[in-house]
Amino acid sequence: MFEKNSLITLGDNNEYVVVDKYIENDITYVFLVDINNNSNIIYGKVDGDDIVVISDPDELKSIIKKIDDDLHVQ
């Protein structure tokens, strides 16, 4: 459901593209960008069919670094 390059609509009724996905310790993290407003980005965790926005600054910093590294490897 949350595969790279897929389009999803969240509860805010905005469409997002899944730019990247990262799995660590059985937790799936996603990097989403609103297709109509590319300054609207979300780093979140997949919880069933929902995305939980990461709010912890240390966790956010760690995930941004790992996703950035992954994006530059490809």
Foldseek 3Di string as FASTA:
>chain_A
DQDAQDWDAAPVRFIWGFPDWDDDPNWIWTWIAGPVHRVDIFIFIDDPPHTDGDDPPVVVVVVVVVRVVVVVVD
